[in-house]
Protein backbone atom coordinates (compact mmCIF):
# COMPACT_ATOMS: atom_id res chain seq x y z
CA MET A 1 -0.78 -51.76 49.46
CA ARG A 2 1.23 -51.64 46.17
CA GLU A 3 2.16 -48.14 45.12
CA LEU A 4 0.98 -46.86 41.85
CA HIS A 5 3.42 -45.33 39.34
CA PHE A 6 3.07 -43.34 36.02
CA LYS A 7 5.03 -45.91 34.07
CA ASP A 8 2.54 -48.78 34.79
CA ASN A 9 -0.73 -46.96 34.19
CA PHE A 10 -0.70 -44.81 31.14
CA TRP A 11 -0.59 -47.16 28.13
CA ASN A 12 -3.00 -47.84 25.47
CA ILE A 13 -3.41 -51.12 23.11
CA ASP A 14 -3.54 -48.71 20.12
CA ILE A 15 0.23 -48.45 19.06
CA THR A 16 -0.53 -45.01 17.46
CA SER A 17 -2.38 -43.63 20.61
CA THR A 18 -0.69 -41.04 22.92
CA VAL A 19 -3.62 -40.75 25.33
CA GLY A 20 -1.73 -41.99 28.29
CA TYR A 21 1.13 -39.57 27.56
CA ASP A 22 -1.16 -36.75 26.77
CA SER A 23 -2.84 -37.35 30.12
CA ILE A 24 0.45 -37.04 31.95
CA ILE A 25 1.51 -33.84 30.11
CA GLN A 26 -2.01 -32.27 30.83
CA HIS A 27 -1.42 -32.89 34.43
CA LEU A 28 2.00 -31.47 34.42
CA ASN A 29 0.75 -28.22 32.76
CA ASP A 30 -1.98 -27.99 35.32
CA GLY A 31 0.73 -28.28 37.97
CA LYS A 32 2.82 -25.65 36.24
CA ARG A 33 -0.20 -23.30 36.43
CA THR A 34 -0.74 -23.92 40.08
CA CYS A 35 2.93 -22.92 40.67
CA LYS A 36 2.17 -19.63 38.82
CA GLU A 37 -0.99 -19.00 40.74
CA ILE A 38 0.85 -19.56 44.07
CA GLU A 39 3.68 -17.34 42.89
CA ASP A 40 1.10 -14.56 41.87
CA PHE A 41 -0.80 -15.12 45.24
CA MET A 42 2.55 -14.50 47.38
CA LYS A 43 3.65 -11.43 45.28
CA ALA A 44 0.17 -9.87 45.83
CA ARG A 45 0.39 -10.64 49.50
CA ALA A 46 3.73 -9.10 49.66
CA ALA A 47 2.42 -5.86 47.91
CA ILE A 48 -0.39 -5.62 50.60
CA GLU A 49 2.02 -6.05 53.42
CA GLU A 50 4.38 -3.51 51.96
CA LYS A 51 1.53 -1.07 51.48
CA TYR A 52 0.23 -1.66 55.11
CA ALA A 53 3.69 -1.28 56.53
CA LYS A 54 4.30 1.93 54.81
CA GLU A 55 1.02 3.53 56.06
CA LEU A 56 1.69 2.23 59.52
CA LEU A 57 5.23 3.93 59.35
CA GLY A 58 3.67 7.10 58.37
CA LEU A 59 1.15 6.84 61.09
CA SER A 60 4.00 6.21 63.66
CA LYS A 61 5.52 9.48 62.70
CA LYS A 62 2.37 11.66 63.34
CA VAL A 63 2.02 13.69 66.66
CA CYS A 64 0.61 11.74 69.36
CA GLY A 65 0.50 12.88 72.96
CA HIS A 66 2.81 15.88 72.30
CA SER A 67 1.46 17.76 75.18
CA GLU A 68 1.61 14.78 77.77
CA MET A 69 4.21 14.53 80.39
CA ASN A 70 5.81 12.25 82.76
CA THR A 71 4.90 8.47 82.84
CA LEU A 72 2.06 8.68 80.24
CA LYS A 73 4.40 10.62 77.88
CA ARG A 74 7.03 7.87 78.05
CA SER A 75 4.39 5.13 77.49
CA LEU A 76 3.28 6.92 74.51
CA ASP A 77 6.73 7.33 73.23
CA VAL A 78 7.03 3.78 73.47
CA PHE A 79 3.85 3.15 71.66
CA LYS A 80 5.01 5.12 68.83
CA LEU A 81 8.35 3.60 68.62
CA GLN A 82 6.99 0.02 68.85
CA THR A 83 4.36 0.95 66.13
CA GLU A 84 7.30 1.91 63.93
CA GLN A 85 9.16 -1.34 64.59
CA VAL A 86 5.98 -3.22 63.69
CA SER A 87 5.78 -1.50 60.44
CA LEU A 88 9.38 -2.27 59.73
CA SER A 89 8.85 -5.95 60.57
CA HIS A 90 6.03 -6.00 58.02
CA LEU A 91 8.41 -4.52 55.28
CA HIS A 92 10.75 -7.26 56.20
CA LEU A 93 8.03 -9.87 55.92
CA ALA A 94 6.94 -8.36 52.39
CA GLN A 95 10.55 -8.87 51.24
CA THR A 96 10.69 -12.40 52.53
CA MET A 97 7.51 -13.19 50.66
CA ARG A 98 9.00 -11.87 47.44
CA ASP A 99 12.08 -14.00 47.97
CA GLU A 100 9.92 -17.09 48.36
CA ALA A 101 7.94 -16.14 45.21
CA LYS A 102 11.17 -15.79 43.39
CA LYS A 103 12.28 -19.14 44.50
CA LEU A 104 9.06 -20.64 43.30
CA GLU A 105 9.49 -18.74 39.88
CA ASP A 106 13.04 -20.30 39.38
CA PHE A 107 11.79 -23.83 40.28
CA ARG A 108 9.01 -23.54 37.67
CA GLU A 109 11.32 -22.23 35.16
CA LYS A 110 13.82 -25.14 35.86
CA GLN A 111 11.16 -27.74 35.61
CA LYS A 112 9.84 -26.24 32.43
CA ASP A 113 13.38 -26.40 30.77
CA SER A 114 13.97 -29.94 31.85
CA ARG A 115 10.68 -31.11 30.53
CA LYS A 116 11.00 -29.49 27.30
CA ARG A 117 13.93 -31.68 26.43
CA VAL A 118 12.10 -34.80 27.20
CA GLU A 119 8.88 -33.66 25.53
CA GLN A 120 10.70 -32.84 22.39
CA GLN A 121 12.38 -36.33 22.42
CA MET A 122 9.15 -38.06 23.06
CA ASP A 123 7.23 -36.04 20.32
CA ALA A 124 9.91 -36.96 17.80
CA LEU A 125 9.34 -40.60 18.62
CA HIS A 126 5.65 -40.18 18.40
CA LYS A 127 5.84 -38.97 14.92
CA GLN A 128 8.40 -41.48 13.96
CA LYS A 129 6.30 -44.20 15.27
CA ALA A 130 3.06 -42.90 13.70
CA ALA A 131 4.87 -42.30 10.28
CA GLN A 132 6.41 -45.96 10.33
CA TYR A 133 3.17 -47.46 11.28
CA LYS A 134 1.49 -45.75 8.41
CA LYS A 135 4.26 -46.98 6.14
CA THR A 136 3.94 -50.45 7.44
CA ALA A 137 0.15 -50.45 6.71
CA GLU A 138 0.64 -49.35 3.32
CA ALA A 139 3.15 -52.02 2.63
CA LYS A 140 0.94 -54.57 4.11
CA LYS A 141 -2.03 -53.41 1.90
CA THR A 142 0.27 -53.62 -1.08
CA TYR A 143 1.65 -57.03 -0.03
CA GLU A 144 -1.98 -58.44 0.46
CA GLN A 145 -2.92 -56.90 -3.07
CA LYS A 146 0.07 -58.75 -4.64
CA CYS A 147 -0.74 -61.80 -3.10
CA ARG A 148 -4.22 -61.69 -4.44
CA ASP A 149 -2.74 -60.91 -7.78
CA LYS A 150 -0.57 -63.95 -7.72
CA GLU A 151 -3.25 -66.23 -6.49
CA GLU A 152 -5.53 -65.03 -9.45
CA ALA A 153 -2.57 -65.44 -11.93
CA GLU A 154 -1.97 -69.10 -10.86
CA GLN A 155 -5.72 -69.84 -10.82
CA ASN A 156 -6.11 -68.48 -14.40
CA MET A 157 -3.13 -70.45 -15.69
CA ASN A 158 -4.36 -73.65 -14.05
CA ARG A 159 -7.95 -73.13 -15.63
CA ASN A 160 -6.54 -72.67 -19.05
CA ALA A 161 -3.71 -75.32 -18.97
CA THR A 162 -5.60 -77.79 -21.15
CA THR A 163 -7.66 -75.35 -23.37
CA SER A 164 -4.87 -72.87 -24.45
CA SER A 165 -2.22 -73.16 -26.81
CA SER A 166 1.36 -73.61 -25.83
CA LYS A 167 2.13 -69.99 -26.61
CA GLN A 168 -0.84 -68.68 -24.36
CA GLN A 169 0.45 -71.01 -21.63
CA GLU A 170 3.88 -69.52 -21.96
CA LYS A 171 2.21 -66.14 -21.53
CA LEU A 172 0.07 -67.15 -18.53
CA PHE A 173 3.07 -68.88 -16.92
CA ALA A 174 5.10 -65.65 -17.40
CA LYS A 175 2.41 -63.62 -15.90
CA THR A 176 2.19 -65.87 -13.00
CA GLN A 177 5.80 -65.67 -12.35
CA GLN A 178 5.81 -61.98 -12.46
CA ALA A 179 2.90 -61.82 -10.02
CA LYS A 180 4.79 -64.26 -7.91
CA GLN A 181 7.94 -61.97 -7.75
CA CYS A 182 5.84 -58.99 -7.10
CA ALA A 183 4.20 -60.73 -4.22
CA GLU A 184 7.54 -61.81 -2.85
CA GLU A 185 9.02 -58.23 -3.21
CA ALA A 186 5.87 -56.87 -1.51
CA ASP A 187 6.28 -59.53 1.21
CA ARG A 188 9.97 -58.42 1.73
CA ILE A 189 9.15 -54.83 1.93
CA TYR A 190 6.19 -55.48 4.21
CA ASN A 191 8.52 -57.52 6.48
CA GLN A 192 11.09 -55.05 6.60
CA ASN A 193 8.70 -52.38 7.62
CA VAL A 194 7.30 -54.49 10.43
CA SER A 195 10.82 -55.14 11.55
CA VAL A 196 11.63 -51.12 11.45
CA LEU A 197 8.37 -50.62 13.24
CA GLY A 198 9.10 -53.22 15.87
CA LYS A 199 12.37 -51.58 16.48
CA ILE A 200 10.89 -48.15 16.86
CA ARG A 201 8.27 -49.50 19.17
CA GLU A 202 10.97 -50.87 21.42
CA GLU A 203 12.78 -47.65 21.53
CA TRP A 204 9.35 -45.91 22.26
CA LEU A 205 8.44 -48.29 25.20
CA ASN A 206 11.75 -47.69 26.74
CA GLU A 207 11.65 -43.91 26.27
CA HIS A 208 8.11 -43.82 27.41
CA VAL A 209 9.00 -45.59 30.64
CA LYS A 210 11.99 -43.13 31.16
CA ALA A 211 9.67 -40.10 30.48
CA CYS A 212 7.07 -41.54 32.85
CA GLU A 213 9.66 -41.93 35.75
CA PHE A 214 11.08 -38.43 34.91
CA PHE A 215 7.71 -36.79 34.96
CA GLU A 216 6.62 -38.76 38.09
CA LYS A 217 9.99 -37.32 39.81
CA GLN A 218 8.93 -33.85 38.73
CA GLU A 219 5.59 -34.20 40.19
CA VAL A 220 6.94 -35.40 43.45
CA GLU A 221 9.50 -32.33 43.52
CA ARG A 222 6.67 -29.96 42.53
CA ILE A 223 4.13 -31.19 45.24
CA ASN A 224 6.94 -31.12 47.82
CA THR A 225 8.19 -27.65 46.92
CA LEU A 226 4.56 -26.20 47.09
CA ARG A 227 3.67 -27.73 50.14
CA ASN A 228 7.01 -26.58 51.81
CA ILE A 229 6.71 -22.97 50.40
CA VAL A 230 3.04 -22.68 51.70
CA TRP A 231 4.09 -24.12 54.92
CA ASN A 232 7.10 -21.55 55.21
CA HIS A 233 4.66 -18.84 54.21
CA LEU A 234 2.38 -19.57 57.09
CA ASN A 235 5.21 -19.76 59.37
CA GLN A 236 6.43 -16.34 58.46
CA LEU A 237 2.83 -15.07 59.05
CA SER A 238 2.90 -16.60 62.43
CA GLN A 239 6.21 -15.41 63.32
CA GLN A 240 5.07 -11.87 62.22
CA CYS A 241 2.20 -12.23 64.87
CA VAL A 242 4.69 -13.35 67.43
CA THR A 243 6.91 -10.32 66.71
CA SER A 244 4.07 -7.89 66.70
CA ASP A 245 2.96 -9.31 70.11
CA GLU A 246 6.39 -8.96 71.57
CA LEU A 247 6.64 -5.38 70.52
CA TYR A 248 3.15 -4.73 71.71
CA GLU A 249 4.12 -6.43 74.99
CA ASP A 250 6.86 -3.73 75.49
CA VAL A 251 4.16 -0.95 75.21
CA ARG A 252 1.89 -2.93 77.74
CA LYS A 253 4.91 -3.11 80.19
CA SER A 254 5.37 0.64 79.69
CA LEU A 255 1.73 1.36 80.27
CA GLU A 256 1.98 -0.77 83.53
CA GLN A 257 4.54 1.73 84.61
CA CYS A 258 2.16 4.63 84.01
CA ASN A 259 1.26 5.94 87.43
CA ILE A 260 -1.80 8.16 87.53
CA GLN A 261 -1.20 9.82 90.77
CA GLU A 262 2.54 10.44 89.99
CA ASP A 263 1.32 12.19 86.74
CA LEU A 264 -1.10 14.33 88.50
CA GLU A 265 1.48 15.38 91.19
CA HIS A 266 4.05 16.07 88.46
CA PHE A 267 1.51 18.45 86.74
CA ILE A 268 0.74 20.16 90.04
CA ASN A 269 4.36 20.69 90.92
CA LEU A 270 5.08 21.93 87.47
CA ARG A 271 2.13 24.29 86.91
CA ARG A 272 0.75 25.01 90.39
CA THR A 273 -0.48 28.76 90.77
CA GLY A 274 -1.24 29.01 94.46
CA GLU A 275 -2.72 27.12 97.54
CA LYS A 276 -5.27 29.80 98.75
CA PRO A 277 -8.48 30.35 96.94
CA PRO A 278 -10.22 33.73 96.49
CA VAL A 279 -12.08 35.28 99.63
CA PRO A 280 -15.92 35.62 99.15
CA VAL A 281 -16.86 38.97 97.52
CA PRO A 282 -18.81 41.01 100.01
CA TYR A 283 -22.04 43.07 99.38
CA GLU A 284 -21.47 46.70 99.45
CA ASN A 285 -24.50 49.07 100.08
CA PHE A 286 -24.17 52.17 97.92
CA TYR A 287 -25.74 54.41 100.70
CA ASN A 288 -23.55 53.10 103.39
CA ASN A 289 -20.51 53.76 101.35
CA GLN A 290 -21.76 57.34 100.93
CA ARG A 291 -22.29 57.97 104.65
CA SER A 292 -19.04 56.33 105.65
CA ALA A 293 -17.05 58.42 103.15
CA PRO A 294 -14.61 60.75 104.99
CA ALA A 295 -15.30 64.60 105.00
CA ARG A 296 -13.51 66.52 102.10
CA PRO A 297 -10.83 69.03 103.54
CA PRO A 298 -11.35 72.78 103.14
CA ALA A 299 -10.26 74.17 99.87
CA SER A 300 -8.32 76.94 101.86
CA ALA A 301 -6.30 77.23 104.94
CA VAL A 302 -8.99 79.47 106.61
CA ARG A 303 -11.26 77.25 108.57
CA ARG A 304 -14.99 78.14 108.43
CA ALA A 305 -17.73 76.92 110.51
CA ALA A 306 -20.02 74.40 108.93
CA VAL A 307 -23.02 75.65 107.30
CA PRO A 308 -25.94 74.90 109.69
CA PRO A 309 -28.55 72.55 108.27
CA PRO A 310 -31.61 74.32 106.93
CA PRO A 311 -34.63 74.16 109.10
CA PRO A 312 -37.12 71.39 108.25
CA VAL A 313 -39.83 72.38 105.98
CA GLU A 314 -43.31 71.33 106.60
CA ASN A 315 -44.36 68.20 104.57
CA ASP A 316 -40.73 67.65 103.65
CA PRO A 317 -40.50 63.80 102.86
CA LEU A 318 -37.93 61.90 105.02
CA TYR A 319 -36.06 58.92 103.63
CA SER A 320 -35.14 55.75 105.74
CA THR A 321 -31.74 54.15 105.43
CA VAL A 322 -30.93 50.38 104.91
CA ALA A 323 -30.22 49.78 108.63
CA GLU A 324 -33.36 51.28 109.71
CA PRO A 325 -36.59 49.41 109.78
CA GLY A 326 -38.98 50.00 106.88
CA TYR A 327 -36.19 50.67 104.25
CA SER A 328 -37.39 52.15 100.95
CA LEU A 329 -40.64 53.24 102.70
CA ILE A 330 -41.46 56.89 102.28
CA ARG A 331 -42.77 58.73 105.28
CA HIS A 332 -44.44 62.14 105.25
């Protein structure tokens, strides 16, 4: 299948029309706008990455598992360290995105400057072509009018050739000759303008083809550049995922070394308080404690006999002890 190109498909039968050229310029302007949109997108994405990285970096500095010990503490330290590394990798990604956006901006400005010179040249040719065409059209109009004036003068002279006097015939002849000279001069000017317009047209045709080839080359570069930049952008995002996963894998490997029993034993050996539990608390009866209490020694060195117990009084109540049956029952 034959490839299509700008130079073969953007013409118009109207010599003053620039619709084909204008269509190409509009498309290039749309492409320039797309470049700016992609550039702004990457700058915004870089700002998001930077904000995320800074917040993640701040998070990695916070206390996390400060009171832990042994293998779990080591795993949590690795977890914080790798979180910090992930944040730094996102900072690097943000800067890489800004660099790519700057490259796209430079590319866009370079194309803009190159296009500007070609567009200025083509605009000048379009104005020159339009002006010469207008001048040629006016010369043609004048030429046609002078030709009609010449024919009218000749017809008038022929009609009055037999009826007019010799003096009148001389006037008619002179007028006819003047009309003929004016027609010839108008013809010369008209022919000259057509020739000039033809040269301008040839120059415009050649420059239009060159401009189309230049614009098509720019469009190929633009599409290829945008394609590669977006492709690289996605590769950078994929690489960030790989980098983050590698850092997270270090944390997972550290967690695999976390030994629960070892951490328990480490805590026990470090903070143990004893191996024997407290004995059961016995029940102590208040009255038994009073009966089993030792006798108080005498106040002086003179030993005296104990005071005999008083005789029992009739109807005096007797109290039972805990050890005796019927404890807490009063007997009379």
